[in-house]
């Protein structure tokens, strides 16, 4: 199956089941993009001047 976080994202997104079936690669690309950006944000820190 898919990672738990991805399943939750799909459940809360506005992407319908029909759209997911019609464009499975696009859905995966979006999830991977979101996931990679989320990981980067975890390790970036902001230090005020």
PDB file of N, CA and C in Angstrom:
ATOM      1  N   UNK A   1       0.815  -1.182   0.000  1.00  0.00           N
ATOM      2  CA  UNK A   1       0.000   0.000   0.000  1.00  0.00           C
ATOM      3  C   UNK A   1       0.865   1.255   0.000  1.00  0.00           C
ATOM      4  N   UNK A   2       0.204   2.345   0.188  1.00  0.00           N
ATOM      5  CA  UNK A   2       0.898   3.633   0.211  1.00  0.00           C
ATOM      6  C   UNK A   2       1.155   4.066   1.644  1.00  0.00           C
ATOM      7  N   UNK A   3       2.109   4.968   1.833  1.00  0.00           N
ATOM      8  CA  UNK A   3       2.383   5.471   3.186  1.00  0.00           C
ATOM      9  C   UNK A   3       1.127   6.077   3.823  1.00  0.00           C
ATOM     10  N   UNK A   4       1.013   5.918   5.120  1.00  0.00           N
ATOM     11  CA  UNK A   4      -0.141   6.416   5.878  1.00  0.00           C
ATOM     12  C   UNK A   4      -0.374   7.906   5.642  1.00  0.00           C
ATOM     13  N   UNK A   5       0.712   8.680   5.620  1.00  0.00           N
ATOM     14  CA  UNK A   5       0.594  10.130   5.429  1.00  0.00           C
ATOM     15  C   UNK A   5      -0.034  10.446   4.072  1.00  0.00           C
ATOM     16  N   UNK A   6       0.342   9.701   3.048  1.00  0.00           N
ATOM     17  CA  UNK A   6      -0.213   9.929   1.713  1.00  0.00           C
ATOM     18  C   UNK A   6      -1.707   9.614   1.693  1.00  0.00           C
ATOM     19  N   UNK A   7      -2.093   8.529   2.350  1.00  0.00           N
ATOM     20  CA  UNK A   7      -3.505   8.153   2.403  1.00  0.00           C
ATOM     21  C   UNK A   7      -4.323   9.255   3.077  1.00  0.00           C
ATOM     22  N   UNK A   8      -3.778   9.819   4.162  1.00  0.00           N
ATOM     23  CA  UNK A   8      -4.483  10.912   4.851  1.00  0.00           C
ATOM     24  C   UNK A   8      -4.591  12.140   3.958  1.00  0.00           C
ATOM     25  N   UNK A   9      -3.516  12.455   3.240  1.00  0.00           N
ATOM     26  CA  UNK A   9      -3.547  13.606   2.336  1.00  0.00           C
ATOM     27  C   UNK A   9      -4.630  13.439   1.274  1.00  0.00           C
ATOM     28  N   UNK A  10      -4.722  12.246   0.709  1.00  0.00           N
ATOM     29  CA  UNK A  10      -5.730  12.006  -0.317  1.00  0.00           C
ATOM     30  C   UNK A  10      -7.139  12.112   0.251  1.00  0.00           C
ATOM     31  N   UNK A  11      -7.327  11.645   1.471  1.00  0.00           N
ATOM     32  CA  UNK A  11      -8.647  11.708   2.095  1.00  0.00           C
ATOM     33  C   UNK A  11      -9.078  13.148   2.339  1.00  0.00           C
ATOM     34  N   UNK A  12      -8.123  14.024   2.645  1.00  0.00           N
ATOM     35  CA  UNK A  12      -8.463  15.411   2.958  1.00  0.00           C
ATOM     36  C   UNK A  12      -8.333  16.343   1.757  1.00  0.00           C
ATOM     37  N   UNK A  13      -7.888  15.797   0.633  1.00  0.00           N
ATOM     38  CA  UNK A  13      -7.722  16.629  -0.562  1.00  0.00           C
ATOM     39  C   UNK A  13      -9.038  16.734  -1.325  1.00  0.00           C
ATOM     40  N   UNK A  14      -9.041  17.578  -2.325  1.00  0.00           N
ATOM     41  CA  UNK A  14     -10.203  17.711  -3.201  1.00  0.00           C
ATOM     42  C   UNK A  14     -10.058  16.846  -4.442  1.00  0.00           C
ATOM     43  N   UNK A  15      -9.188  15.848  -4.383  1.00  0.00           N
ATOM     44  CA  UNK A  15      -8.982  14.947  -5.515  1.00  0.00           C
ATOM     45  C   UNK A  15      -9.966  13.790  -5.380  1.00  0.00           C
ATOM     46  N   UNK A  16     -10.865  13.669  -6.346  1.00  0.00           N
ATOM     47  CA  UNK A  16     -11.880  12.621  -6.283  1.00  0.00           C
ATOM     48  C   UNK A  16     -11.281  11.262  -6.606  1.00  0.00           C
ATOM     49  N   UNK A  17     -11.999  10.210  -6.222  1.00  0.00           N
ATOM     50  CA  UNK A  17     -11.560   8.841  -6.532  1.00  0.00           C
ATOM     51  C   UNK A  17     -11.463   8.654  -8.042  1.00  0.00           C
ATOM     52  N   UNK A  18     -12.400   9.251  -8.787  1.00  0.00           N
ATOM     53  CA  UNK A  18     -12.384   9.140 -10.247  1.00  0.00           C
ATOM     54  C   UNK A  18     -11.129   9.789 -10.820  1.00  0.00           C
ATOM     55  N   UNK A  19     -10.787  10.974 -10.316  1.00  0.00           N
ATOM     56  CA  UNK A  19      -9.568  11.653 -10.774  1.00  0.00           C
ATOM     57  C   UNK A  19      -8.326  10.830 -10.431  1.00  0.00           C
ATOM     58  N   UNK A  20      -8.329  10.212  -9.269  1.00  0.00           N
ATOM     59  CA  UNK A  20      -7.196   9.375  -8.870  1.00  0.00           C
ATOM     60  C   UNK A  20      -7.041   8.192  -9.820  1.00  0.00           C
ATOM     61  N   UNK A  21      -8.168   7.602 -10.227  1.00  0.00           N
ATOM     62  CA  UNK A  21      -8.116   6.450 -11.138  1.00  0.00           C
ATOM     63  C   UNK A  21      -7.712   6.867 -12.546  1.00  0.00           C
ATOM     64  N   UNK A  22      -8.157   8.056 -12.969  1.00  0.00           N
ATOM     65  CA  UNK A  22      -7.834   8.538 -14.317  1.00  0.00           C
ATOM     66  C   UNK A  22      -6.381   8.976 -14.433  1.00  0.00           C
ATOM     67  N   UNK A  23      -5.828   9.514 -13.355  1.00  0.00           N
ATOM     68  CA  UNK A  23      -4.478  10.090 -13.384  1.00  0.00           C
ATOM     69  C   UNK A  23      -3.621   9.585 -12.229  1.00  0.00           C
ATOM     70  N   UNK A  24      -3.397   8.286 -12.131  1.00  0.00           N
ATOM     71  CA  UNK A  24      -2.645   7.778 -10.968  1.00  0.00           C
ATOM     72  C   UNK A  24      -1.220   8.315 -10.886  1.00  0.00           C
ATOM     73  N   UNK A  25      -0.572   8.506 -12.025  1.00  0.00           N
ATOM     74  CA  UNK A  25       0.805   9.002 -11.992  1.00  0.00           C
ATOM     75  C   UNK A  25       0.854  10.450 -11.511  1.00  0.00           C
ATOM     76  N   UNK A  26      -0.100  11.256 -11.941  1.00  0.00           N
ATOM     77  CA  UNK A  26      -0.149  12.652 -11.502  1.00  0.00           C
ATOM     78  C   UNK A  26      -0.364  12.729  -9.990  1.00  0.00           C
ATOM     79  N   UNK A  27      -1.224  11.869  -9.476  1.00  0.00           N
ATOM     80  CA  UNK A  27      -1.476  11.844  -8.033  1.00  0.00           C
ATOM     81  C   UNK A  27      -0.195  11.472  -7.284  1.00  0.00           C
ATOM     82  N   UNK A  28       0.506  10.454  -7.767  1.00  0.00           N
ATOM     83  CA  UNK A  28       1.770  10.060  -7.132  1.00  0.00           C
ATOM     84  C   UNK A  28       2.797  11.180  -7.185  1.00  0.00           C
ATOM     85  N   UNK A  29       2.876  11.858  -8.324  1.00  0.00           N
ATOM     86  CA  UNK A  29       3.829  12.965  -8.460  1.00  0.00           C
ATOM     87  C   UNK A  29       3.540  14.064  -7.442  1.00  0.00           C
ATOM     88  N   UNK A  30       2.272  14.391  -7.278  1.00  0.00           N
ATOM     89  CA  UNK A  30       1.886  15.436  -6.321  1.00  0.00           C
ATOM     90  C   UNK A  30       2.226  15.006  -4.898  1.00  0.00           C
ATOM     91  N   UNK A  31       1.913  13.762  -4.561  1.00  0.00           N
ATOM     92  CA  UNK A  31       2.205  13.272  -3.210  1.00  0.00           C
ATOM     93  C   UNK A  31       3.704  13.266  -2.930  1.00  0.00           C
ATOM     94  N   UNK A  32       4.484  12.839  -3.900  1.00  0.00           N
ATOM     95  CA  UNK A  32       5.945  12.824  -3.730  1.00  0.00           C
ATOM     96  C   UNK A  32       6.485  14.243  -3.577  1.00  0.00           C
ATOM     97  N   UNK A  33       5.960  15.171  -4.378  1.00  0.00           N
ATOM     98  CA  UNK A  33       6.387  16.566  -4.294  1.00  0.00           C
ATOM     99  C   UNK A  33       6.065  17.134  -2.913  1.00  0.00           C
ATOM    100  N   UNK A  34       4.834  16.913  -2.463  1.00  0.00           N
ATOM    101  CA  UNK A  34       4.425  17.413  -1.154  1.00  0.00           C
ATOM    102  C   UNK A  34       5.295  16.810  -0.054  1.00  0.00           C
ATOM    103  N   UNK A  35       5.523  15.505  -0.158  1.00  0.00           N
ATOM    104  CA  UNK A  35       6.312  14.804   0.849  1.00  0.00           C
ATOM    105  C   UNK A  35       7.743  15.334   0.891  1.00  0.00           C
ATOM    106  N   UNK A  36       8.352  15.555  -0.262  1.00  0.00           N
ATOM    107  CA  UNK A  36       9.736  16.040  -0.286  1.00  0.00           C
ATOM    108  C   UNK A  36       9.826  17.454   0.280  1.00  0.00           C
ATOM    109  N   UNK A  37       8.820  18.283   0.027  1.00  0.00           N
ATOM    110  CA  UNK A  37       8.834  19.638   0.578  1.00  0.00           C
ATOM    111  C   UNK A  37       8.588  19.630   2.078  1.00  0.00           C
ATOM    112  N   UNK A  38       7.768  18.717   2.556  1.00  0.00           N
ATOM    113  CA  UNK A  38       7.499  18.612   3.987  1.00  0.00           C
ATOM    114  C   UNK A  38       8.758  18.196   4.730  1.00  0.00           C
ATOM    115  N   UNK A  39       9.498  17.254   4.177  1.00  0.00           N
ATOM    116  CA  UNK A  39      10.742  16.798   4.804  1.00  0.00           C
ATOM    117  C   UNK A  39      11.740  17.940   4.880  1.00  0.00           C
ATOM    118  N   UNK A  40      11.866  18.720   3.810  1.00  0.00           N
ATOM    119  CA  UNK A  40      12.798  19.849   3.811  1.00  0.00           C
ATOM    120  C   UNK A  40      12.429  20.855   4.891  1.00  0.00           C
ATOM    121  N   UNK A  41      11.133  21.121   5.059  1.00  0.00           N
ATOM    122  CA  UNK A  41      10.699  22.107   6.038  1.00  0.00           C
ATOM    123  C   UNK A  41      11.002  21.658   7.465  1.00  0.00           C
ATOM    124  N   UNK A  42      11.019  20.355   7.710  1.00  0.00           N
ATOM    125  CA  UNK A  42      11.313  19.853   9.054  1.00  0.00           C
ATOM    126  C   UNK A  42      12.725  20.223   9.484  1.00  0.00           C
ATOM    127  N   UNK A  43      13.639  20.294   8.508  1.00  0.00           N
ATOM    128  CA  UNK A  43      15.041  20.517   8.838  1.00  0.00           C
ATOM    129  C   UNK A  43      15.492  21.961   8.645  1.00  0.00           C
ATOM    130  N   UNK A  44      14.640  22.774   8.080  1.00  0.00           N
ATOM    131  CA  UNK A  44      14.971  24.190   7.947  1.00  0.00           C
ATOM    132  C   UNK A  44      14.523  24.906   9.210  1.00  0.00           C
ATOM    133  N   UNK A  45      15.334  25.791   9.682  1.00  0.00           N
ATOM    134  CA  UNK A  45      14.927  26.550  10.857  1.00  0.00           C
ATOM    135  C   UNK A  45      15.074  28.032  10.563  1.00  0.00           C
ATOM    136  N   UNK A  46      14.248  28.789  11.200  1.00  0.00           N
ATOM    137  CA  UNK A  46      14.283  30.228  11.017  1.00  0.00           C
ATOM    138  C   UNK A  46      14.789  30.849  12.307  1.00  0.00           C
ATOM    139  N   UNK A  47      15.843  31.607  12.188  1.00  0.00           N
ATOM    140  CA  UNK A  47      16.387  32.304  13.340  1.00  0.00           C
ATOM    141  C   UNK A  47      16.202  33.794  13.115  1.00  0.00           C
ATOM    142  N   UNK A  48      15.366  34.423  13.926  1.00  0.00           N
ATOM    143  CA  UNK A  48      15.159  35.865  13.742  1.00  0.00           C
ATOM    144  C   UNK A  48      16.449  36.646  13.979  1.00  0.00           C
ATOM    145  N   UNK A  49      16.595  37.770  13.298  1.00  0.00           N
ATOM    146  CA  UNK A  49      17.822  38.581  13.461  1.00  0.00           C
ATOM    147  C   UNK A  49      17.957  39.171  14.854  1.00  0.00           C
TER     148      UNK A  49
END
